[in-house]
Amino acid sequence: MQEQMLGGKGFLVIGYLLEKSSRVHITRAVLEQFLSFAKYLDGLSHGAPLLKQLCDHILFNPAIWIHTPAKVQLSLYTYLSAEFIGTATIYNTIRRIGTVLQLMHTLKYYYWVVNPA
């Protein structure tokens, strides 16, 4: 099953469908399922390639998360900054330079500071 998901680029397809779906369907419960799946893949001996796809196409995809409620975004980025990066498998799996560039792109194009005055 893992080989089929990996070979068929399953997370790429799921990520694309989530980008095109209505934002009301992308809830905290959906995020929790993806985070649980990331933890599950982290525990598998050969789960690193699938975990990388999950990160690249879903967890690090700002087009999916940008229109979700702020609490969902906060949960995602809190998890990514604290618990997620602390595990050895994940730390070795993700592309550090690419991830930083993608994060900077996300901050530049999706978030901004509004003058409170």
N, C-alpha and C. Protein backbone atom coordinates (compact mmCIF):
# COMPACT_ATOMS: atom_id res chain seq x y z
N MET A 1 0.82 -1.19 0.00
CA MET A 1 0.00 0.00 0.00
C MET A 1 0.87 1.26 0.00
N GLN A 2 1.95 1.24 0.81
CA GLN A 2 2.84 2.40 0.85
C GLN A 2 3.48 2.65 -0.50
N GLU A 3 3.87 1.57 -1.18
CA GLU A 3 4.50 1.71 -2.49
C GLU A 3 3.53 2.31 -3.50
N GLN A 4 2.27 1.90 -3.44
CA GLN A 4 1.26 2.45 -4.35
C GLN A 4 1.02 3.93 -4.07
N MET A 5 0.96 4.27 -2.80
CA MET A 5 0.75 5.67 -2.42
C MET A 5 1.95 6.52 -2.85
N LEU A 6 3.13 5.97 -2.69
CA LEU A 6 4.35 6.69 -3.06
C LEU A 6 4.49 6.79 -4.58
N GLY A 7 4.31 5.67 -5.27
CA GLY A 7 4.43 5.65 -6.73
C GLY A 7 3.37 6.46 -7.43
N GLY A 8 2.19 6.46 -6.89
CA GLY A 8 1.09 7.22 -7.49
C GLY A 8 1.04 8.67 -7.04
N LYS A 9 2.03 9.05 -6.24
CA LYS A 9 2.09 10.41 -5.69
C LYS A 9 0.75 10.79 -5.05
N GLY A 10 0.32 9.93 -4.14
CA GLY A 10 -0.98 10.09 -3.50
C GLY A 10 -1.14 11.41 -2.77
N PHE A 11 -0.09 11.85 -2.07
CA PHE A 11 -0.22 13.10 -1.33
C PHE A 11 -0.23 14.31 -2.25
N LEU A 12 0.37 14.20 -3.41
CA LEU A 12 0.28 15.27 -4.41
C LEU A 12 -1.17 15.41 -4.87
N VAL A 13 -1.81 14.29 -5.13
CA VAL A 13 -3.21 14.30 -5.56
C VAL A 13 -4.12 14.84 -4.46
N ILE A 14 -3.91 14.36 -3.23
CA ILE A 14 -4.72 14.82 -2.11
C ILE A 14 -4.52 16.32 -1.88
N GLY A 15 -3.27 16.77 -1.95
CA GLY A 15 -2.98 18.19 -1.79
C GLY A 15 -3.65 19.04 -2.85
N TYR A 16 -3.61 18.57 -4.09
CA TYR A 16 -4.26 19.30 -5.18
C TYR A 16 -5.77 19.39 -4.94
N LEU A 17 -6.36 18.27 -4.55
CA LEU A 17 -7.81 18.27 -4.30
C LEU A 17 -8.18 19.17 -3.13
N LEU A 18 -7.33 19.20 -2.10
CA LEU A 18 -7.60 20.09 -0.97
C LEU A 18 -7.49 21.56 -1.37
N GLU A 19 -6.54 21.86 -2.26
CA GLU A 19 -6.41 23.24 -2.76
C GLU A 19 -7.69 23.68 -3.48
N LYS A 20 -8.30 22.76 -4.20
CA LYS A 20 -9.48 23.09 -5.00
C LYS A 20 -10.79 22.95 -4.24
N SER A 21 -10.75 22.34 -3.07
CA SER A 21 -11.99 22.11 -2.32
C SER A 21 -12.42 23.38 -1.59
N SER A 22 -13.65 23.34 -1.11
CA SER A 22 -14.18 24.45 -0.32
C SER A 22 -13.44 24.53 1.01
N ARG A 23 -13.17 25.72 1.44
CA ARG A 23 -12.41 25.92 2.68
C ARG A 23 -13.18 25.47 3.92
N VAL A 24 -14.48 25.35 3.82
CA VAL A 24 -15.25 24.90 4.98
C VAL A 24 -14.95 23.45 5.33
N HIS A 25 -14.39 22.71 4.37
CA HIS A 25 -14.08 21.30 4.61
C HIS A 25 -12.71 21.10 5.26
N ILE A 26 -11.89 22.13 5.26
CA ILE A 26 -10.55 22.00 5.83
C ILE A 26 -10.61 22.57 7.24
N THR A 27 -10.84 21.68 8.19
CA THR A 27 -11.08 22.06 9.58
C THR A 27 -9.93 21.60 10.46
N ARG A 28 -10.07 21.91 11.73
CA ARG A 28 -9.07 21.45 12.70
C ARG A 28 -9.04 19.92 12.76
N ALA A 29 -10.18 19.29 12.60
CA ALA A 29 -10.23 17.82 12.61
C ALA A 29 -9.44 17.24 11.45
N VAL A 30 -9.52 17.88 10.28
CA VAL A 30 -8.74 17.44 9.12
C VAL A 30 -7.26 17.61 9.41
N LEU A 31 -6.90 18.76 9.97
CA LEU A 31 -5.50 18.99 10.33
C LEU A 31 -5.02 17.94 11.32
N GLU A 32 -5.82 17.64 12.32
CA GLU A 32 -5.43 16.63 13.32
C GLU A 32 -5.20 15.27 12.68
N GLN A 33 -6.00 14.93 11.67
CA GLN A 33 -5.80 13.66 10.97
C GLN A 33 -4.46 13.64 10.23
N PHE A 34 -4.13 14.74 9.57
CA PHE A 34 -2.84 14.81 8.88
C PHE A 34 -1.68 14.76 9.87
N LEU A 35 -1.82 15.43 11.00
CA LEU A 35 -0.76 15.40 12.01
C LEU A 35 -0.61 14.00 12.60
N SER A 36 -1.73 13.33 12.81
CA SER A 36 -1.67 11.94 13.30
C SER A 36 -1.01 11.04 12.28
N PHE A 37 -1.31 11.28 11.02
CA PHE A 37 -0.70 10.49 9.95
C PHE A 37 0.80 10.74 9.88
N ALA A 38 1.22 11.99 10.08
CA ALA A 38 2.65 12.31 10.09
C ALA A 38 3.35 11.59 11.24
N LYS A 39 2.72 11.56 12.40
CA LYS A 39 3.30 10.85 13.54
C LYS A 39 3.37 9.35 13.27
N TYR A 40 2.35 8.82 12.63
CA TYR A 40 2.33 7.40 12.28
C TYR A 40 3.47 7.08 11.30
N LEU A 41 3.61 7.88 10.26
CA LEU A 41 4.67 7.64 9.27
C LEU A 41 6.05 7.81 9.89
N ASP A 42 6.17 8.71 10.85
CA ASP A 42 7.44 8.90 11.54
C ASP A 42 7.84 7.65 12.31
N GLY A 43 6.86 6.90 12.78
CA GLY A 43 7.15 5.69 13.54
C GLY A 43 7.46 4.47 12.69
N LEU A 44 7.19 4.53 11.40
CA LEU A 44 7.46 3.40 10.52
C LEU A 44 8.93 3.38 10.09
N SER A 45 9.46 2.19 9.94
CA SER A 45 10.87 2.08 9.54
C SER A 45 11.11 2.57 8.12
N HIS A 46 10.14 2.41 7.23
CA HIS A 46 10.30 2.85 5.84
C HIS A 46 9.27 3.93 5.48
N GLY A 47 8.88 4.72 6.44
CA GLY A 47 7.86 5.74 6.20
C GLY A 47 8.41 7.08 5.75
N ALA A 48 9.73 7.25 5.71
CA ALA A 48 10.32 8.55 5.39
C ALA A 48 9.92 9.10 4.02
N PRO A 49 9.92 8.30 2.94
CA PRO A 49 9.52 8.88 1.65
C PRO A 49 8.07 9.39 1.63
N LEU A 50 7.17 8.64 2.26
CA LEU A 50 5.78 9.10 2.34
C LEU A 50 5.65 10.34 3.22
N LEU A 51 6.42 10.36 4.29
CA LEU A 51 6.41 11.52 5.18
C LEU A 51 6.89 12.77 4.44
N LYS A 52 7.88 12.61 3.60
CA LYS A 52 8.39 13.72 2.80
C LYS A 52 7.30 14.24 1.86
N GLN A 53 6.58 13.32 1.21
CA GLN A 53 5.49 13.74 0.33
C GLN A 53 4.38 14.44 1.11
N LEU A 54 4.06 13.91 2.28
CA LEU A 54 3.04 14.54 3.13
C LEU A 54 3.45 15.97 3.49
N CYS A 55 4.70 16.14 3.84
CA CYS A 55 5.20 17.48 4.18
C CYS A 55 5.15 18.40 2.98
N ASP A 56 5.72 17.95 1.87
CA ASP A 56 5.84 18.80 0.68
C ASP A 56 4.49 19.21 0.11
N HIS A 57 3.56 18.28 0.04
CA HIS A 57 2.32 18.54 -0.70
C HIS A 57 1.13 18.92 0.17
N ILE A 58 1.23 18.70 1.48
CA ILE A 58 0.08 19.02 2.33
C ILE A 58 0.47 19.95 3.49
N LEU A 59 1.34 19.50 4.37
CA LEU A 59 1.64 20.30 5.56
C LEU A 59 2.34 21.61 5.24
N PHE A 60 3.23 21.62 4.25
CA PHE A 60 3.96 22.84 3.90
C PHE A 60 3.32 23.58 2.73
N ASN A 61 2.10 23.25 2.38
CA ASN A 61 1.43 23.86 1.24
C ASN A 61 0.55 25.02 1.71
N PRO A 62 1.01 26.26 1.56
CA PRO A 62 0.22 27.38 2.08
C PRO A 62 -1.10 27.58 1.35
N ALA A 63 -1.20 27.14 0.11
CA ALA A 63 -2.45 27.31 -0.64
C ALA A 63 -3.59 26.52 0.00
N ILE A 64 -3.28 25.48 0.74
CA ILE A 64 -4.31 24.71 1.44
C ILE A 64 -4.75 25.43 2.71
N TRP A 65 -3.80 25.94 3.46
CA TRP A 65 -4.08 26.40 4.81
C TRP A 65 -4.39 27.89 4.93
N ILE A 66 -4.10 28.68 3.92
CA ILE A 66 -4.20 30.13 4.05
C ILE A 66 -5.62 30.62 4.30
N HIS A 67 -6.62 29.95 3.80
CA HIS A 67 -8.00 30.40 3.97
C HIS A 67 -8.73 29.71 5.12
N THR A 68 -8.01 28.91 5.88
CA THR A 68 -8.62 28.26 7.05
C THR A 68 -8.67 29.26 8.20
N PRO A 69 -9.48 28.99 9.21
CA PRO A 69 -9.52 29.89 10.36
C PRO A 69 -8.14 30.03 11.02
N ALA A 70 -7.93 31.16 11.65
CA ALA A 70 -6.63 31.45 12.27
C ALA A 70 -6.23 30.40 13.29
N LYS A 71 -7.20 29.85 14.01
CA LYS A 71 -6.87 28.83 15.02
C LYS A 71 -6.31 27.57 14.38
N VAL A 72 -6.81 27.21 13.21
CA VAL A 72 -6.29 26.04 12.50
C VAL A 72 -4.86 26.32 12.04
N GLN A 73 -4.64 27.49 11.47
CA GLN A 73 -3.29 27.86 11.04
C GLN A 73 -2.33 27.89 12.22
N LEU A 74 -2.78 28.45 13.33
CA LEU A 74 -1.95 28.52 14.52
C LEU A 74 -1.59 27.12 15.02
N SER A 75 -2.55 26.21 15.00
CA SER A 75 -2.28 24.83 15.41
C SER A 75 -1.25 24.18 14.50
N LEU A 76 -1.40 24.38 13.20
CA LEU A 76 -0.46 23.80 12.25
C LEU A 76 0.94 24.34 12.47
N TYR A 77 1.09 25.65 12.50
CA TYR A 77 2.43 26.23 12.59
C TYR A 77 3.04 26.04 13.97
N THR A 78 2.22 25.94 15.00
CA THR A 78 2.75 25.62 16.33
C THR A 78 3.30 24.20 16.33
N TYR A 79 2.56 23.28 15.75
CA TYR A 79 3.04 21.91 15.66
C TYR A 79 4.32 21.82 14.83
N LEU A 80 4.34 22.49 13.68
CA LEU A 80 5.51 22.43 12.82
C LEU A 80 6.74 23.02 13.49
N SER A 81 6.57 24.09 14.24
CA SER A 81 7.72 24.76 14.84
C SER A 81 8.21 24.09 16.11
N ALA A 82 7.36 23.36 16.79
CA ALA A 82 7.75 22.79 18.07
C ALA A 82 7.94 21.28 18.00
N GLU A 83 6.86 20.58 17.92
CA GLU A 83 6.89 19.12 18.02
C GLU A 83 7.43 18.46 16.76
N PHE A 84 7.05 18.96 15.62
CA PHE A 84 7.36 18.32 14.34
C PHE A 84 8.84 18.27 14.04
N ILE A 85 9.51 19.39 14.15
CA ILE A 85 10.91 19.47 13.74
C ILE A 85 11.83 18.77 14.74
N GLY A 86 11.32 18.43 15.91
CA GLY A 86 12.14 17.80 16.92
C GLY A 86 12.40 16.32 16.70
N THR A 87 11.65 15.67 15.84
CA THR A 87 11.86 14.24 15.63
C THR A 87 12.95 14.02 14.60
N ALA A 88 13.79 13.05 14.84
CA ALA A 88 14.97 12.81 14.00
C ALA A 88 14.60 12.44 12.57
N THR A 89 13.60 11.58 12.40
CA THR A 89 13.22 11.16 11.06
C THR A 89 12.77 12.35 10.22
N ILE A 90 11.96 13.17 10.80
CA ILE A 90 11.45 14.32 10.07
C ILE A 90 12.57 15.30 9.77
N TYR A 91 13.41 15.53 10.76
CA TYR A 91 14.51 16.48 10.58
C TYR A 91 15.43 16.05 9.45
N ASN A 92 15.68 14.76 9.33
CA ASN A 92 16.55 14.25 8.27
C ASN A 92 15.83 14.11 6.93
N THR A 93 14.52 14.03 6.95
CA THR A 93 13.75 13.78 5.74
C THR A 93 13.50 15.05 4.93
N ILE A 94 13.13 16.11 5.60
CA ILE A 94 12.74 17.32 4.86
C ILE A 94 13.96 18.04 4.31
N ARG A 95 13.74 18.75 3.24
CA ARG A 95 14.80 19.55 2.63
C ARG A 95 14.88 20.85 3.40
N ARG A 96 15.97 21.04 4.13
CA ARG A 96 16.07 22.22 5.00
C ARG A 96 16.05 23.52 4.20
N ILE A 97 16.87 23.62 3.17
CA ILE A 97 16.94 24.86 2.39
C ILE A 97 15.60 25.12 1.69
N GLY A 98 15.06 24.10 1.04
CA GLY A 98 13.79 24.25 0.35
C GLY A 98 12.66 24.63 1.29
N THR A 99 12.68 24.06 2.47
CA THR A 99 11.64 24.35 3.45
C THR A 99 11.72 25.80 3.91
N VAL A 100 12.93 26.28 4.15
CA VAL A 100 13.10 27.68 4.56
C VAL A 100 12.65 28.61 3.44
N LEU A 101 13.03 28.31 2.21
CA LEU A 101 12.62 29.14 1.08
C LEU A 101 11.10 29.15 0.92
N GLN A 102 10.50 27.99 1.09
CA GLN A 102 9.04 27.91 0.97
C GLN A 102 8.36 28.70 2.09
N LEU A 103 8.90 28.61 3.29
CA LEU A 103 8.35 29.37 4.41
C LEU A 103 8.47 30.87 4.16
N MET A 104 9.60 31.31 3.67
CA MET A 104 9.79 32.73 3.37
C MET A 104 8.82 33.19 2.27
N HIS A 105 8.64 32.36 1.26
CA HIS A 105 7.67 32.67 0.20
C HIS A 105 6.26 32.79 0.79
N THR A 106 5.91 31.87 1.67
CA THR A 106 4.60 31.89 2.31
C THR A 106 4.40 33.18 3.09
N LEU A 107 5.40 33.54 3.88
CA LEU A 107 5.29 34.77 4.67
C LEU A 107 5.17 36.00 3.79
N LYS A 108 5.91 36.01 2.69
CA LYS A 108 5.91 37.18 1.80
C LYS A 108 4.59 37.35 1.06
N TYR A 109 4.03 36.25 0.55
CA TYR A 109 2.87 36.36 -0.33
C TYR A 109 1.52 36.12 0.34
N TYR A 110 1.52 35.50 1.52
CA TYR A 110 0.24 35.17 2.13
C TYR A 110 -0.05 35.93 3.43
N TYR A 111 0.99 36.41 4.09
CA TYR A 111 0.79 37.09 5.37
C TYR A 111 1.40 38.49 5.29
N TRP A 112 0.83 39.41 6.03
CA TRP A 112 1.38 40.75 6.10
C TRP A 112 0.94 41.38 7.41
N VAL A 113 1.64 42.40 7.80
CA VAL A 113 1.31 43.12 9.02
C VAL A 113 0.47 44.33 8.63
N VAL A 114 -0.63 44.49 9.31
CA VAL A 114 -1.52 45.61 9.05
C VAL A 114 -1.29 46.67 10.12
N ASN A 115 -1.14 47.90 9.71
CA ASN A 115 -0.96 49.00 10.64
C ASN A 115 -2.22 49.14 11.49
N PRO A 116 -2.10 49.01 12.83
CA PRO A 116 -3.30 49.04 13.67
C PRO A 116 -3.95 50.42 13.77
N ALA A 117 -3.27 51.46 13.33
CA ALA A 117 -3.83 52.82 13.45
C ALA A 117 -4.87 53.13 12.40
